[in-house]
PDB file of N, CA and C in Angstrom:
ATOM      1  N   MET A   1     -32.599 -59.438 -33.022  1.00  0.00           N
ATOM      2  CA  MET A   1     -32.221 -58.622 -31.884  1.00  0.00           C
ATOM      3  C   MET A   1     -30.706 -58.717 -31.704  1.00  0.00           C
ATOM      4  N   ALA A   2     -30.046 -57.586 -31.634  1.00  0.00           N
ATOM      5  CA  ALA A   2     -28.594 -57.548 -31.489  1.00  0.00           C
ATOM      6  C   ALA A   2     -28.199 -57.819 -30.035  1.00  0.00           C
ATOM      7  N   HIS A   3     -27.090 -58.523 -29.870  1.00  0.00           N
ATOM      8  CA  HIS A   3     -26.564 -58.787 -28.532  1.00  0.00           C
ATOM      9  C   HIS A   3     -25.783 -57.579 -28.048  1.00  0.00           C
ATOM     10  N   SER A   4     -25.921 -57.286 -26.775  1.00  0.00           N
ATOM     11  CA  SER A   4     -25.138 -56.190 -26.209  1.00  0.00           C
ATOM     12  C   SER A   4     -23.691 -56.639 -26.067  1.00  0.00           C
ATOM     13  N   SER A   5     -22.822 -55.667 -25.874  1.00  0.00           N
ATOM     14  CA  SER A   5     -21.408 -55.963 -25.670  1.00  0.00           C
ATOM     15  C   SER A   5     -21.223 -56.843 -24.443  1.00  0.00           C
ATOM     16  N   TRP A   6     -21.987 -56.561 -23.382  1.00  0.00           N
ATOM     17  CA  TRP A   6     -21.904 -57.344 -22.146  1.00  0.00           C
ATOM     18  C   TRP A   6     -22.296 -58.795 -22.398  1.00  0.00           C
ATOM     19  N   GLU A   7     -23.388 -59.016 -23.133  1.00  0.00           N
ATOM     20  CA  GLU A   7     -23.830 -60.382 -23.424  1.00  0.00           C
ATOM     21  C   GLU A   7     -22.787 -61.138 -24.237  1.00  0.00           C
ATOM     22  N   SER A   8     -22.206 -60.486 -25.215  1.00  0.00           N
ATOM     23  CA  SER A   8     -21.181 -61.121 -26.044  1.00  0.00           C
ATOM     24  C   SER A   8     -19.961 -61.490 -25.215  1.00  0.00           C
ATOM     25  N   LYS A   9     -19.540 -60.567 -24.353  1.00  0.00           N
ATOM     26  CA  LYS A   9     -18.380 -60.823 -23.504  1.00  0.00           C
ATOM     27  C   LYS A   9     -18.685 -61.965 -22.534  1.00  0.00           C
ATOM     28  N   ASN A  10     -19.882 -61.965 -21.974  1.00  0.00           N
ATOM     29  CA  ASN A  10     -20.271 -63.007 -21.033  1.00  0.00           C
ATOM     30  C   ASN A  10     -20.279 -64.381 -21.714  1.00  0.00           C
ATOM     31  N   LYS A  11     -20.815 -64.449 -22.928  1.00  0.00           N
ATOM     32  CA  LYS A  11     -20.839 -65.721 -23.663  1.00  0.00           C
ATOM     33  C   LYS A  11     -19.427 -66.189 -24.001  1.00  0.00           C
ATOM     34  N   PHE A  12     -18.528 -65.232 -24.276  1.00  0.00           N
ATOM     35  CA  PHE A  12     -17.152 -65.587 -24.571  1.00  0.00           C
ATOM     36  C   PHE A  12     -16.434 -66.104 -23.323  1.00  0.00           C
ATOM     37  N   LEU A  13     -16.601 -65.401 -22.205  1.00  0.00           N
ATOM     38  CA  LEU A  13     -15.916 -65.787 -20.979  1.00  0.00           C
ATOM     39  C   LEU A  13     -16.505 -67.020 -20.322  1.00  0.00           C
ATOM     40  N   TYR A  14     -17.799 -67.217 -20.460  1.00  0.00           N
ATOM     41  CA  TYR A  14     -18.480 -68.331 -19.803  1.00  0.00           C
ATOM     42  C   TYR A  14     -19.328 -69.107 -20.804  1.00  0.00           C
ATOM     43  N   PRO A  15     -18.676 -69.771 -21.749  1.00  0.00           N
ATOM     44  CA  PRO A  15     -19.454 -70.513 -22.745  1.00  0.00           C
ATOM     45  C   PRO A  15     -20.208 -71.663 -22.088  1.00  0.00           C
ATOM     46  N   TYR A  16     -21.348 -71.952 -22.616  1.00  0.00           N
ATOM     47  CA  TYR A  16     -22.152 -73.067 -22.114  1.00  0.00           C
ATOM     48  C   TYR A  16     -22.574 -73.882 -23.315  1.00  0.00           C
ATOM     49  N   ASN A  17     -22.219 -75.150 -23.291  1.00  0.00           N
ATOM     50  CA  ASN A  17     -22.558 -76.030 -24.396  1.00  0.00           C
ATOM     51  C   ASN A  17     -23.829 -76.796 -24.085  1.00  0.00           C
ATOM     52  N   ARG A  18     -24.613 -77.045 -25.095  1.00  0.00           N
ATOM     53  CA  ARG A  18     -25.859 -77.795 -24.953  1.00  0.00           C
ATOM     54  C   ARG A  18     -25.553 -79.208 -24.477  1.00  0.00           C
ATOM     55  N   TYR A  19     -26.428 -79.738 -23.629  1.00  0.00           N
ATOM     56  CA  TYR A  19     -26.279 -81.087 -23.078  1.00  0.00           C
ATOM     57  C   TYR A  19     -27.052 -82.072 -23.951  1.00  0.00           C
ATOM     58  N   TYR A  20     -26.381 -83.143 -24.378  1.00  0.00           N
ATOM     59  CA  TYR A  20     -27.010 -84.143 -25.237  1.00  0.00           C
ATOM     60  C   TYR A  20     -27.140 -85.506 -24.567  1.00  0.00           C
ATOM     61  N   GLY A  21     -26.777 -85.611 -23.302  1.00  0.00           N
ATOM     62  CA  GLY A  21     -26.854 -86.884 -22.589  1.00  0.00           C
ATOM     63  C   GLY A  21     -28.272 -87.203 -22.160  1.00  0.00           C
ATOM     64  N   LYS A  22     -28.377 -88.225 -21.309  1.00  0.00           N
ATOM     65  CA  LYS A  22     -29.675 -88.644 -20.779  1.00  0.00           C
ATOM     66  C   LYS A  22     -30.227 -87.521 -19.909  1.00  0.00           C
ATOM     67  N   VAL A  23     -31.415 -87.034 -20.260  1.00  0.00           N
ATOM     68  CA  VAL A  23     -31.985 -85.882 -19.576  1.00  0.00           C
ATOM     69  C   VAL A  23     -32.644 -86.318 -18.266  1.00  0.00           C
ATOM     70  N   LYS A  24     -31.926 -86.029 -17.192  1.00  0.00           N
ATOM     71  CA  LYS A  24     -32.414 -86.225 -15.831  1.00  0.00           C
ATOM     72  C   LYS A  24     -31.929 -85.007 -15.057  1.00  0.00           C
ATOM     73  N   PRO A  25     -32.696 -84.537 -14.088  1.00  0.00           N
ATOM     74  CA  PRO A  25     -32.270 -83.322 -13.370  1.00  0.00           C
ATOM     75  C   PRO A  25     -30.845 -83.402 -12.827  1.00  0.00           C
ATOM     76  N   GLU A  26     -30.485 -84.535 -12.227  1.00  0.00           N
ATOM     77  CA  GLU A  26     -29.148 -84.643 -11.662  1.00  0.00           C
ATOM     78  C   GLU A  26     -28.063 -84.611 -12.735  1.00  0.00           C
ATOM     79  N   ASN A  27     -28.347 -85.154 -13.903  1.00  0.00           N
ATOM     80  CA  ASN A  27     -27.378 -85.116 -15.003  1.00  0.00           C
ATOM     81  C   ASN A  27     -27.186 -83.687 -15.513  1.00  0.00           C
ATOM     82  N   LEU A  28     -28.284 -82.940 -15.604  1.00  0.00           N
ATOM     83  CA  LEU A  28     -28.193 -81.558 -16.066  1.00  0.00           C
ATOM     84  C   LEU A  28     -27.417 -80.698 -15.071  1.00  0.00           C
ATOM     85  N   ILE A  29     -27.671 -80.908 -13.783  1.00  0.00           N
ATOM     86  CA  ILE A  29     -26.949 -80.155 -12.760  1.00  0.00           C
ATOM     87  C   ILE A  29     -25.465 -80.508 -12.796  1.00  0.00           C
ATOM     88  N   PHE A  30     -25.162 -81.802 -12.883  1.00  0.00           N
ATOM     89  CA  PHE A  30     -23.758 -82.204 -12.915  1.00  0.00           C
ATOM     90  C   PHE A  30     -23.071 -81.663 -14.159  1.00  0.00           C
ATOM     91  N   ASN A  31     -23.761 -81.677 -15.281  1.00  0.00           N
ATOM     92  CA  ASN A  31     -23.175 -81.143 -16.509  1.00  0.00           C
ATOM     93  C   ASN A  31     -22.834 -79.665 -16.351  1.00  0.00           C
ATOM     94  N   ALA A  32     -23.725 -78.907 -15.733  1.00  0.00           N
ATOM     95  CA  ALA A  32     -23.445 -77.486 -15.492  1.00  0.00           C
ATOM     96  C   ALA A  32     -22.234 -77.342 -14.574  1.00  0.00           C
ATOM     97  N   ASN A  33     -22.164 -78.173 -13.527  1.00  0.00           N
ATOM     98  CA  ASN A  33     -21.012 -78.142 -12.618  1.00  0.00           C
ATOM     99  C   ASN A  33     -19.726 -78.507 -13.349  1.00  0.00           C
ATOM    100  N   LEU A  34     -19.799 -79.499 -14.216  1.00  0.00           N
ATOM    101  CA  LEU A  34     -18.635 -79.945 -14.974  1.00  0.00           C
ATOM    102  C   LEU A  34     -18.147 -78.858 -15.931  1.00  0.00           C
ATOM    103  N   GLN A  35     -19.068 -78.184 -16.596  1.00  0.00           N
ATOM    104  CA  GLN A  35     -18.677 -77.106 -17.503  1.00  0.00           C
ATOM    105  C   GLN A  35     -18.052 -75.940 -16.736  1.00  0.00           C
ATOM    106  N   GLU A  36     -18.605 -75.631 -15.562  1.00  0.00           N
ATOM    107  CA  GLU A  36     -18.027 -74.574 -14.735  1.00  0.00           C
ATOM    108  C   GLU A  36     -16.622 -74.975 -14.272  1.00  0.00           C
ATOM    109  N   PHE A  37     -16.453 -76.235 -13.889  1.00  0.00           N
ATOM    110  CA  PHE A  37     -15.147 -76.765 -13.488  1.00  0.00           C
ATOM    111  C   PHE A  37     -14.133 -76.576 -14.620  1.00  0.00           C
ATOM    112  N   ALA A  38     -14.512 -76.978 -15.818  1.00  0.00           N
ATOM    113  CA  ALA A  38     -13.606 -76.872 -16.966  1.00  0.00           C
ATOM    114  C   ALA A  38     -13.227 -75.421 -17.244  1.00  0.00           C
ATOM    115  N   GLN A  39     -14.200 -74.520 -17.137  1.00  0.00           N
ATOM    116  CA  GLN A  39     -13.927 -73.112 -17.382  1.00  0.00           C
ATOM    117  C   GLN A  39     -12.951 -72.550 -16.348  1.00  0.00           C
ATOM    118  N   LYS A  40     -13.164 -72.900 -15.081  1.00  0.00           N
ATOM    119  CA  LYS A  40     -12.276 -72.415 -14.019  1.00  0.00           C
ATOM    120  C   LYS A  40     -10.874 -72.995 -14.166  1.00  0.00           C
ATOM    121  N   ILE A  41     -10.768 -74.253 -14.572  1.00  0.00           N
ATOM    122  CA  ILE A  41      -9.460 -74.874 -14.798  1.00  0.00           C
ATOM    123  C   ILE A  41      -8.724 -74.114 -15.903  1.00  0.00           C
ATOM    124  N   SER A  42      -9.450 -73.753 -16.941  1.00  0.00           N
ATOM    125  CA  SER A  42      -8.847 -72.998 -18.036  1.00  0.00           C
ATOM    126  C   SER A  42      -8.317 -71.649 -17.548  1.00  0.00           C
ATOM    127  N   PHE A  43      -9.101 -70.944 -16.725  1.00  0.00           N
ATOM    128  CA  PHE A  43      -8.648 -69.660 -16.181  1.00  0.00           C
ATOM    129  C   PHE A  43      -7.388 -69.839 -15.334  1.00  0.00           C
ATOM    130  N   ILE A  44      -7.409 -70.830 -14.444  1.00  0.00           N
ATOM    131  CA  ILE A  44      -6.264 -71.070 -13.562  1.00  0.00           C
ATOM    132  C   ILE A  44      -5.023 -71.408 -14.385  1.00  0.00           C
ATOM    133  N   THR A  45      -5.187 -72.251 -15.373  1.00  0.00           N
ATOM    134  CA  THR A  45      -4.070 -72.637 -16.240  1.00  0.00           C
ATOM    135  C   THR A  45      -3.480 -71.420 -16.937  1.00  0.00           C
ATOM    136  N   ASN A  46      -4.347 -70.575 -17.456  1.00  0.00           N
ATOM    137  CA  ASN A  46      -3.865 -69.375 -18.143  1.00  0.00           C
ATOM    138  C   ASN A  46      -3.172 -68.414 -17.184  1.00  0.00           C
ATOM    139  N   LEU A  47      -3.697 -68.270 -15.970  1.00  0.00           N
ATOM    140  CA  LEU A  47      -3.050 -67.406 -14.988  1.00  0.00           C
ATOM    141  C   LEU A  47      -1.676 -67.944 -14.591  1.00  0.00           C
ATOM    142  N   GLU A  48      -1.574 -69.250 -14.431  1.00  0.00           N
ATOM    143  CA  GLU A  48      -0.277 -69.849 -14.086  1.00  0.00           C
ATOM    144  C   GLU A  48       0.700 -69.704 -15.249  1.00  0.00           C
ATOM    145  N   THR A  49       0.239 -69.959 -16.453  1.00  0.00           N
ATOM    146  CA  THR A  49       1.094 -69.828 -17.629  1.00  0.00           C
ATOM    147  C   THR A  49       1.594 -68.393 -17.791  1.00  0.00           C
ATOM    148  N   GLY A  50       0.726 -67.434 -17.467  1.00  0.00           N
ATOM    149  CA  GLY A  50       1.090 -66.028 -17.590  1.00  0.00           C
ATOM    150  C   GLY A  50       1.864 -65.485 -16.402  1.00  0.00           C
ATOM    151  N   GLY A  51       2.181 -66.339 -15.437  1.00  0.00           N
ATOM    152  CA  GLY A  51       2.971 -65.907 -14.296  1.00  0.00           C
ATOM    153  C   GLY A  51       2.186 -65.187 -13.213  1.00  0.00           C
ATOM    154  N   LYS A  52       0.874 -65.205 -13.295  1.00  0.00           N
ATOM    155  CA  LYS A  52       0.049 -64.518 -12.298  1.00  0.00           C
ATOM    156  C   LYS A  52      -0.243 -65.404 -11.090  1.00  0.00           C
ATOM    157  N   LEU A  53      -0.085 -66.701 -11.241  1.00  0.00           N
ATOM    158  CA  LEU A  53      -0.242 -67.672 -10.152  1.00  0.00           C
ATOM    159  C   LEU A  53       0.991 -68.557 -10.127  1.00  0.00           C
ATOM    160  N   SER A  54       1.429 -68.916  -8.937  1.00  0.00           N
ATOM    161  CA  SER A  54       2.534 -69.872  -8.850  1.00  0.00           C
ATOM    162  C   SER A  54       2.005 -71.268  -9.189  1.00  0.00           C
ATOM    163  N   PRO A  55       2.885 -72.167  -9.600  1.00  0.00           N
ATOM    164  CA  PRO A  55       2.447 -73.539  -9.859  1.00  0.00           C
ATOM    165  C   PRO A  55       1.780 -74.158  -8.625  1.00  0.00           C
ATOM    166  N   GLU A  56       2.314 -73.871  -7.447  1.00  0.00           N
ATOM    167  CA  GLU A  56       1.740 -74.421  -6.210  1.00  0.00           C
ATOM    168  C   GLU A  56       0.321 -73.910  -5.982  1.00  0.00           C
ATOM    169  N   GLU A  57       0.117 -72.611  -6.166  1.00  0.00           N
ATOM    170  CA  GLU A  57      -1.219 -72.028  -5.979  1.00  0.00           C
ATOM    171  C   GLU A  57      -2.189 -72.564  -7.029  1.00  0.00           C
ATOM    172  N   ALA A  58      -1.734 -72.681  -8.260  1.00  0.00           N
ATOM    173  CA  ALA A  58      -2.587 -73.240  -9.312  1.00  0.00           C
ATOM    174  C   ALA A  58      -2.990 -74.667  -8.953  1.00  0.00           C
ATOM    175  N   TYR A  59      -2.024 -75.451  -8.515  1.00  0.00           N
ATOM    176  CA  TYR A  59      -2.312 -76.837  -8.110  1.00  0.00           C
ATOM    177  C   TYR A  59      -3.332 -76.871  -6.980  1.00  0.00           C
ATOM    178  N   ASN A  60      -3.133 -76.034  -5.972  1.00  0.00           N
ATOM    179  CA  ASN A  60      -4.041 -76.015  -4.822  1.00  0.00           C
ATOM    180  C   ASN A  60      -5.458 -75.620  -5.234  1.00  0.00           C
ATOM    181  N   GLN A  61      -5.576 -74.647  -6.111  1.00  0.00           N
ATOM    182  CA  GLN A  61      -6.899 -74.226  -6.575  1.00  0.00           C
ATOM    183  C   GLN A  61      -7.573 -75.334  -7.385  1.00  0.00           C
ATOM    184  N   ILE A  62      -6.797 -75.985  -8.236  1.00  0.00           N
ATOM    185  CA  ILE A  62      -7.361 -77.073  -9.043  1.00  0.00           C
ATOM    186  C   ILE A  62      -7.771 -78.241  -8.164  1.00  0.00           C
ATOM    187  N   GLU A  63      -6.951 -78.544  -7.173  1.00  0.00           N
ATOM    188  CA  GLU A  63      -7.285 -79.630  -6.255  1.00  0.00           C
ATOM    189  C   GLU A  63      -8.597 -79.331  -5.510  1.00  0.00           C
ATOM    190  N   ALA A  64      -8.781 -78.089  -5.080  1.00  0.00           N
ATOM    191  CA  ALA A  64     -10.018 -77.700  -4.383  1.00  0.00           C
ATOM    192  C   ALA A  64     -11.223 -77.809  -5.314  1.00  0.00           C
ATOM    193  N   LEU A  65     -11.054 -77.372  -6.557  1.00  0.00           N
ATOM    194  CA  LEU A  65     -12.148 -77.488  -7.528  1.00  0.00           C
ATOM    195  C   LEU A  65     -12.492 -78.949  -7.791  1.00  0.00           C
ATOM    196  N   TRP A  66     -11.472 -79.804  -7.869  1.00  0.00           N
ATOM    197  CA  TRP A  66     -11.685 -81.235  -8.091  1.00  0.00           C
ATOM    198  C   TRP A  66     -12.506 -81.837  -6.944  1.00  0.00           C
ATOM    199  N   GLU A  67     -12.167 -81.461  -5.715  1.00  0.00           N
ATOM    200  CA  GLU A  67     -12.914 -81.964  -4.556  1.00  0.00           C
ATOM    201  C   GLU A  67     -14.370 -81.512  -4.618  1.00  0.00           C
ATOM    202  N   GLN A  68     -14.599 -80.265  -5.021  1.00  0.00           N
ATOM    203  CA  GLN A  68     -15.971 -79.773  -5.166  1.00  0.00           C
ATOM    204  C   GLN A  68     -16.736 -80.577  -6.208  1.00  0.00           C
ATOM    205  N   LEU A  69     -16.081 -80.868  -7.338  1.00  0.00           N
ATOM    206  CA  LEU A  69     -16.746 -81.634  -8.396  1.00  0.00           C
ATOM    207  C   LEU A  69     -17.048 -83.052  -7.929  1.00  0.00           C
ATOM    208  N   LYS A  70     -16.093 -83.675  -7.224  1.00  0.00           N
ATOM    209  CA  LYS A  70     -16.316 -85.029  -6.698  1.00  0.00           C
ATOM    210  C   LYS A  70     -17.480 -85.034  -5.715  1.00  0.00           C
ATOM    211  N   ASN A  71     -17.548 -84.028  -4.848  1.00  0.00           N
ATOM    212  CA  ASN A  71     -18.656 -83.948  -3.890  1.00  0.00           C
ATOM    213  C   ASN A  71     -19.985 -83.746  -4.599  1.00  0.00           C
ATOM    214  N   SER A  72     -19.986 -82.957  -5.650  1.00  0.00           N
ATOM    215  CA  SER A  72     -21.193 -82.748  -6.446  1.00  0.00           C
ATOM    216  C   SER A  72     -21.670 -84.067  -7.040  1.00  0.00           C
ATOM    217  N   LYS A  73     -20.737 -84.815  -7.605  1.00  0.00           N
ATOM    218  CA  LYS A  73     -21.069 -86.114  -8.206  1.00  0.00           C
ATOM    219  C   LYS A  73     -21.668 -87.058  -7.167  1.00  0.00           C
ATOM    220  N   LYS A  74     -21.056 -87.073  -5.990  1.00  0.00           N
ATOM    221  CA  LYS A  74     -21.528 -87.954  -4.919  1.00  0.00           C
ATOM    222  C   LYS A  74     -22.921 -87.544  -4.446  1.00  0.00           C
ATOM    223  N   LYS A  75     -23.116 -86.242  -4.203  1.00  0.00           N
ATOM    224  CA  LYS A  75     -24.412 -85.754  -3.728  1.00  0.00           C
ATOM    225  C   LYS A  75     -25.523 -85.988  -4.743  1.00  0.00           C
ATOM    226  N   LEU A  76     -25.193 -85.872  -6.014  1.00  0.00           N
ATOM    227  CA  LEU A  76     -26.186 -86.074  -7.072  1.00  0.00           C
ATOM    228  C   LEU A  76     -26.369 -87.555  -7.419  1.00  0.00           C
ATOM    229  N   ARG A  77     -25.525 -88.399  -6.821  1.00  0.00           N
ATOM    230  CA  ARG A  77     -25.572 -89.852  -7.024  1.00  0.00           C
ATOM    231  C   ARG A  77     -25.338 -90.219  -8.504  1.00  0.00           C
ATOM    232  N   ILE A  78     -24.462 -89.482  -9.151  1.00  0.00           N
ATOM    233  CA  ILE A  78     -24.109 -89.761 -10.535  1.00  0.00           C
ATOM    234  C   ILE A  78     -23.264 -91.026 -10.583  1.00  0.00           C
ATOM    235  N   GLY A  79     -23.622 -91.959 -11.441  1.00  0.00           N
ATOM    236  CA  GLY A  79     -22.861 -93.193 -11.602  1.00  0.00           C
ATOM    237  C   GLY A  79     -23.284 -94.302 -10.677  1.00  0.00           C
ATOM    238  N   MET A  80     -24.180 -94.012  -9.754  1.00  0.00           N
ATOM    239  CA  MET A  80     -24.681 -95.071  -8.871  1.00  0.00           C
ATOM    240  C   MET A  80     -25.858 -95.734  -9.558  1.00  0.00           C
ATOM    241  N   ASP A  81     -25.955 -97.050  -9.403  1.00  0.00           N
ATOM    242  CA  ASP A  81     -27.059 -97.725 -10.073  1.00  0.00           C
ATOM    243  C   ASP A  81     -28.396 -97.291  -9.464  1.00  0.00           C
ATOM    244  N   ASP A  82     -29.456 -97.431 -10.245  1.00  0.00           N
ATOM    245  CA  ASP A  82     -30.784 -96.973  -9.831  1.00  0.00           C
ATOM    246  C   ASP A  82     -31.419 -97.896  -8.800  1.00  0.00           C
ATOM    247  N   TYR A  83     -30.766 -98.989  -8.449  1.00  0.00           N
ATOM    248  CA  TYR A  83     -31.380 -99.978  -7.566  1.00  0.00           C
ATOM    249  C   TYR A  83     -30.926 -99.838  -6.123  1.00  0.00           C
ATOM    250  N   SER A  84     -29.995 -98.934  -5.834  1.00  0.00           N
ATOM    251  CA  SER A  84     -29.503 -98.837  -4.447  1.00  0.00           C
ATOM    252  C   SER A  84     -30.240 -97.766  -3.679  1.00  0.00           C
TER     253      SER A  84
END
């Protein structure tokens, strides 16, 4: 089955890599969040490099994304031992 142009473009713009870590729901969710974070950082970096975003705006956007990722990690209890 051939991929449509839209599907090809979507896969190019939003690549998703297979997860090979310990399979737990919270790990899979965090991995998806982490991949989305990385993709958005790449977009912001390219926009700043191309002069479409100021360095200050790029920094502010990245800082906000970082806070979202940290909150995701905390809510999913990633890295906390299983005994607490």
